[in-house]
Amino acid sequence: MKIDIEREEDGRWIAEVHDLPGVLAYGETREEAITKVQSLALRVIAAKTEQRPKDF
């Protein structure tokens, strides 16, 4: 999973996963933004996996 990170003018960091629309997070530090966006990305992936029909 590729994470893009930028520093905003106000000093906050923003991290975004472009492959998952809407998955972005802010943090006071670079590491905090990365941790938050990774957590959100995993929740989104898990939710998408649960929604897929199961073939039995």
PDB file of N, CA and C in Angstrom:
ATOM      1  N   MET A   1       0.852  -1.156   0.000  1.00  0.00           N
ATOM      2  CA  MET A   1       0.000   0.000   0.000  1.00  0.00           C
ATOM      3  C   MET A   1       0.904   1.227   0.000  1.00  0.00           C
ATOM      4  N   LYS A   2       0.711   2.097  -0.987  1.00  0.00           N
ATOM      5  CA  LYS A   2       1.522   3.308  -1.103  1.00  0.00           C
ATOM      6  C   LYS A   2       0.835   4.447  -0.360  1.00  0.00           C
ATOM      7  N   ILE A   3       1.578   5.103   0.513  1.00  0.00           N
ATOM      8  CA  ILE A   3       1.060   6.215   1.294  1.00  0.00           C
ATOM      9  C   ILE A   3       1.789   7.487   0.872  1.00  0.00           C
ATOM     10  N   ASP A   4       1.018   8.501   0.498  1.00  0.00           N
ATOM     11  CA  ASP A   4       1.586   9.808   0.178  1.00  0.00           C
ATOM     12  C   ASP A   4       1.455  10.689   1.409  1.00  0.00           C
ATOM     13  N   ILE A   5       2.520  11.419   1.706  1.00  0.00           N
ATOM     14  CA  ILE A   5       2.552  12.244   2.908  1.00  0.00           C
ATOM     15  C   ILE A   5       2.985  13.658   2.540  1.00  0.00           C
ATOM     16  N   GLU A   6       2.280  14.623   3.100  1.00  0.00           N
ATOM     17  CA  GLU A   6       2.627  16.027   2.893  1.00  0.00           C
ATOM     18  C   GLU A   6       2.469  16.781   4.197  1.00  0.00           C
ATOM     19  N   ARG A   7       3.187  17.871   4.306  1.00  0.00           N
ATOM     20  CA  ARG A   7       3.035  18.743   5.461  1.00  0.00           C
ATOM     21  C   ARG A   7       2.206  19.950   5.047  1.00  0.00           C
ATOM     22  N   GLU A   8       1.165  20.217   5.800  1.00  0.00           N
ATOM     23  CA  GLU A   8       0.282  21.341   5.525  1.00  0.00           C
ATOM     24  C   GLU A   8       0.926  22.645   5.997  1.00  0.00           C
ATOM     25  N   GLU A   9       0.383  23.767   5.540  1.00  0.00           N
ATOM     26  CA  GLU A   9       0.914  25.068   5.926  1.00  0.00           C
ATOM     27  C   GLU A   9       0.819  25.312   7.428  1.00  0.00           C
ATOM     28  N   ASP A  10      -0.186  24.714   8.070  1.00  0.00           N
ATOM     29  CA  ASP A  10      -0.369  24.907   9.511  1.00  0.00           C
ATOM     30  C   ASP A  10       0.519  23.976  10.347  1.00  0.00           C
ATOM     31  N   GLY A  11       1.341  23.164   9.686  1.00  0.00           N
ATOM     32  CA  GLY A  11       2.276  22.299  10.389  1.00  0.00           C
ATOM     33  C   GLY A  11       1.809  20.867  10.564  1.00  0.00           C
ATOM     34  N   ARG A  12       0.504  20.622  10.353  1.00  0.00           N
ATOM     35  CA  ARG A  12       0.003  19.247  10.468  1.00  0.00           C
ATOM     36  C   ARG A  12       0.485  18.431   9.286  1.00  0.00           C
ATOM     37  N   TRP A  13       0.515  17.129   9.478  1.00  0.00           N
ATOM     38  CA  TRP A  13       0.865  16.193   8.408  1.00  0.00           C
ATOM     39  C   TRP A  13      -0.412  15.536   7.906  1.00  0.00           C
ATOM     40  N   ILE A  14      -0.479  15.288   6.597  1.00  0.00           N
ATOM     41  CA  ILE A  14      -1.595  14.563   6.016  1.00  0.00           C
ATOM     42  C   ILE A  14      -1.029  13.362   5.265  1.00  0.00           C
ATOM     43  N   ALA A  15      -1.642  12.220   5.498  1.00  0.00           N
ATOM     44  CA  ALA A  15      -1.240  10.985   4.819  1.00  0.00           C
ATOM     45  C   ALA A  15      -2.452  10.471   4.051  1.00  0.00           C
ATOM     46  N   GLU A  16      -2.231   9.966   2.850  1.00  0.00           N
ATOM     47  CA  GLU A  16      -3.331   9.527   1.990  1.00  0.00           C
ATOM     48  C   GLU A  16      -2.953   8.265   1.236  1.00  0.00           C
ATOM     49  N   VAL A  17      -3.918   7.367   1.101  1.00  0.00           N
ATOM     50  CA  VAL A  17      -3.762   6.156   0.293  1.00  0.00           C
ATOM     51  C   VAL A  17      -4.601   6.370  -0.961  1.00  0.00           C
ATOM     52  N   HIS A  18      -3.941   6.669  -2.076  1.00  0.00           N
ATOM     53  CA  HIS A  18      -4.669   6.999  -3.306  1.00  0.00           C
ATOM     54  C   HIS A  18      -5.458   5.821  -3.870  1.00  0.00           C
ATOM     55  N   ASP A  19      -5.012   4.606  -3.604  1.00  0.00           N
ATOM     56  CA  ASP A  19      -5.722   3.435  -4.124  1.00  0.00           C
ATOM     57  C   ASP A  19      -7.049   3.188  -3.410  1.00  0.00           C
ATOM     58  N   LEU A  20      -7.257   3.863  -2.285  1.00  0.00           N
ATOM     59  CA  LEU A  20      -8.499   3.729  -1.519  1.00  0.00           C
ATOM     60  C   LEU A  20      -9.102   5.127  -1.367  1.00  0.00           C
ATOM     61  N   PRO A  21     -10.033   5.489  -2.250  1.00  0.00           N
ATOM     62  CA  PRO A  21     -10.604   6.839  -2.221  1.00  0.00           C
ATOM     63  C   PRO A  21     -11.153   7.212  -0.842  1.00  0.00           C
ATOM     64  N   GLY A  22     -10.805   8.408  -0.406  1.00  0.00           N
ATOM     65  CA  GLY A  22     -11.296   8.912   0.866  1.00  0.00           C
ATOM     66  C   GLY A  22     -10.481   8.492   2.074  1.00  0.00           C
ATOM     67  N   VAL A  23      -9.439   7.687   1.863  1.00  0.00           N
ATOM     68  CA  VAL A  23      -8.629   7.228   2.990  1.00  0.00           C
ATOM     69  C   VAL A  23      -7.476   8.207   3.179  1.00  0.00           C
ATOM     70  N   LEU A  24      -7.686   9.127   4.118  1.00  0.00           N
ATOM     71  CA  LEU A  24      -6.658  10.088   4.470  1.00  0.00           C
ATOM     72  C   LEU A  24      -6.778  10.422   5.943  1.00  0.00           C
ATOM     73  N   ALA A  25      -5.684  10.867   6.522  1.00  0.00           N
ATOM     74  CA  ALA A  25      -5.675  11.173   7.950  1.00  0.00           C
ATOM     75  C   ALA A  25      -4.640  12.245   8.239  1.00  0.00           C
ATOM     76  N   TYR A  26      -4.962  13.058   9.229  1.00  0.00           N
ATOM     77  CA  TYR A  26      -4.049  14.096   9.696  1.00  0.00           C
ATOM     78  C   TYR A  26      -3.372  13.647  10.978  1.00  0.00           C
ATOM     79  N   GLY A  27      -2.187  14.191  11.218  1.00  0.00           N
ATOM     80  CA  GLY A  27      -1.485  13.925  12.462  1.00  0.00           C
ATOM     81  C   GLY A  27      -0.595  15.094  12.834  1.00  0.00           C
ATOM     82  N   GLU A  28      -0.312  15.198  14.122  1.00  0.00           N
ATOM     83  CA  GLU A  28       0.596  16.241  14.608  1.00  0.00           C
ATOM     84  C   GLU A  28       2.024  15.971  14.133  1.00  0.00           C
ATOM     85  N   THR A  29       2.339  14.672  13.969  1.00  0.00           N
ATOM     86  CA  THR A  29       3.657  14.279  13.473  1.00  0.00           C
ATOM     87  C   THR A  29       3.465  13.421  12.225  1.00  0.00           C
ATOM     88  N   ARG A  30       4.545  13.260  11.483  1.00  0.00           N
ATOM     89  CA  ARG A  30       4.524  12.412  10.281  1.00  0.00           C
ATOM     90  C   ARG A  30       4.118  10.984  10.656  1.00  0.00           C
ATOM     91  N   GLU A  31       4.712  10.480  11.728  1.00  0.00           N
ATOM     92  CA  GLU A  31       4.455   9.105  12.162  1.00  0.00           C
ATOM     93  C   GLU A  31       2.994   8.908  12.583  1.00  0.00           C
ATOM     94  N   GLU A  32       2.442   9.905  13.268  1.00  0.00           N
ATOM     95  CA  GLU A  32       1.043   9.818  13.698  1.00  0.00           C
ATOM     96  C   GLU A  32       0.109   9.770  12.486  1.00  0.00           C
ATOM     97  N   ALA A  33       0.368  10.588  11.493  1.00  0.00           N
ATOM     98  CA  ALA A  33      -0.462  10.589  10.283  1.00  0.00           C
ATOM     99  C   ALA A  33      -0.379   9.244   9.571  1.00  0.00           C
ATOM    100  N   ILE A  34       0.808   8.673   9.482  1.00  0.00           N
ATOM    101  CA  ILE A  34       0.993   7.372   8.834  1.00  0.00           C
ATOM    102  C   ILE A  34       0.253   6.282   9.597  1.00  0.00           C
ATOM    103  N   THR A  35       0.405   6.272  10.919  1.00  0.00           N
ATOM    104  CA  THR A  35      -0.264   5.258  11.739  1.00  0.00           C
ATOM    105  C   THR A  35      -1.782   5.345  11.582  1.00  0.00           C
ATOM    106  N   LYS A  36      -2.302   6.559  11.602  1.00  0.00           N
ATOM    107  CA  LYS A  36      -3.754   6.746  11.475  1.00  0.00           C
ATOM    108  C   LYS A  36      -4.268   6.295  10.108  1.00  0.00           C
ATOM    109  N   VAL A  37      -3.539   6.645   9.040  1.00  0.00           N
ATOM    110  CA  VAL A  37      -4.013   6.288   7.705  1.00  0.00           C
ATOM    111  C   VAL A  37      -3.890   4.784   7.461  1.00  0.00           C
ATOM    112  N   GLN A  38      -2.873   4.144   8.029  1.00  0.00           N
ATOM    113  CA  GLN A  38      -2.747   2.687   7.898  1.00  0.00           C
ATOM    114  C   GLN A  38      -3.913   1.992   8.597  1.00  0.00           C
ATOM    115  N   SER A  39      -4.250   2.465   9.773  1.00  0.00           N
ATOM    116  CA  SER A  39      -5.365   1.892  10.527  1.00  0.00           C
ATOM    117  C   SER A  39      -6.677   2.049   9.760  1.00  0.00           C
ATOM    118  N   LEU A  40      -6.899   3.247   9.221  1.00  0.00           N
ATOM    119  CA  LEU A  40      -8.114   3.493   8.453  1.00  0.00           C
ATOM    120  C   LEU A  40      -8.146   2.624   7.198  1.00  0.00           C
ATOM    121  N   ALA A  41      -7.029   2.506   6.507  1.00  0.00           N
ATOM    122  CA  ALA A  41      -6.965   1.687   5.287  1.00  0.00           C
ATOM    123  C   ALA A  41      -7.309   0.229   5.594  1.00  0.00           C
ATOM    124  N   LEU A  42      -6.778  -0.294   6.681  1.00  0.00           N
ATOM    125  CA  LEU A  42      -7.074  -1.684   7.048  1.00  0.00           C
ATOM    126  C   LEU A  42      -8.553  -1.879   7.367  1.00  0.00           C
ATOM    127  N   ARG A  43      -9.162  -0.895   8.030  1.00  0.00           N
ATOM    128  CA  ARG A  43     -10.606  -0.988   8.310  1.00  0.00           C
ATOM    129  C   ARG A  43     -11.422  -0.955   7.027  1.00  0.00           C
ATOM    130  N   VAL A  44     -11.034  -0.116   6.083  1.00  0.00           N
ATOM    131  CA  VAL A  44     -11.749  -0.030   4.803  1.00  0.00           C
ATOM    132  C   VAL A  44     -11.602  -1.338   4.035  1.00  0.00           C
ATOM    133  N   ILE A  45     -10.408  -1.890   3.988  1.00  0.00           N
ATOM    134  CA  ILE A  45     -10.181  -3.160   3.293  1.00  0.00           C
ATOM    135  C   ILE A  45     -10.988  -4.270   3.951  1.00  0.00           C
ATOM    136  N   ALA A  46     -11.010  -4.316   5.272  1.00  0.00           N
ATOM    137  CA  ALA A  46     -11.780  -5.340   5.987  1.00  0.00           C
ATOM    138  C   ALA A  46     -13.266  -5.203   5.685  1.00  0.00           C
ATOM    139  N   ALA A  47     -13.778  -3.983   5.666  1.00  0.00           N
ATOM    140  CA  ALA A  47     -15.194  -3.762   5.380  1.00  0.00           C
ATOM    141  C   ALA A  47     -15.536  -4.203   3.957  1.00  0.00           C
ATOM    142  N   LYS A  48     -14.663  -3.910   3.004  1.00  0.00           N
ATOM    143  CA  LYS A  48     -14.898  -4.320   1.620  1.00  0.00           C
ATOM    144  C   LYS A  48     -14.868  -5.839   1.492  1.00  0.00           C
ATOM    145  N   THR A  49     -13.967  -6.479   2.230  1.00  0.00           N
ATOM    146  CA  THR A  49     -13.864  -7.934   2.195  1.00  0.00           C
ATOM    147  C   THR A  49     -15.127  -8.577   2.761  1.00  0.00           C
ATOM    148  N   GLU A  50     -15.655  -8.010   3.837  1.00  0.00           N
ATOM    149  CA  GLU A  50     -16.875  -8.547   4.455  1.00  0.00           C
ATOM    150  C   GLU A  50     -18.087  -8.393   3.547  1.00  0.00           C
ATOM    151  N   GLN A  51     -18.094  -7.400   2.695  1.00  0.00           N
ATOM    152  CA  GLN A  51     -19.237  -7.137   1.815  1.00  0.00           C
ATOM    153  C   GLN A  51     -19.255  -8.020   0.584  1.00  0.00           C
ATOM    154  N   ARG A  52     -18.106  -8.639   0.255  1.00  0.00           N
ATOM    155  CA  ARG A  52     -18.044  -9.477  -0.945  1.00  0.00           C
ATOM    156  C   ARG A  52     -18.848 -10.750  -0.735  1.00  0.00           C
ATOM    157  N   PRO A  53     -19.589 -11.167  -1.764  1.00  0.00           N
ATOM    158  CA  PRO A  53     -20.332 -12.418  -1.649  1.00  0.00           C
ATOM    159  C   PRO A  53     -19.366 -13.596  -1.508  1.00  0.00           C
ATOM    160  N   LYS A  54     -19.738 -14.510  -0.709  1.00  0.00           N
ATOM    161  CA  LYS A  54     -18.906 -15.697  -0.480  1.00  0.00           C
ATOM    162  C   LYS A  54     -19.387 -16.851  -1.365  1.00  0.00           C
ATOM    163  N   ASP A  55     -18.453 -17.473  -2.033  1.00  0.00           N
ATOM    164  CA  ASP A  55     -18.773 -18.639  -2.889  1.00  0.00           C
ATOM    165  C   ASP A  55     -18.528 -19.903  -2.085  1.00  0.00           C
ATOM    166  N   PHE A  56     -19.584 -20.632  -1.820  1.00  0.00           N
ATOM    167  CA  PHE A  56     -19.464 -21.913  -1.106  1.00  0.00           C
ATOM    168  C   PHE A  56     -20.006 -23.019  -1.934  1.00  0.00           C
TER     169      PHE A  56
END
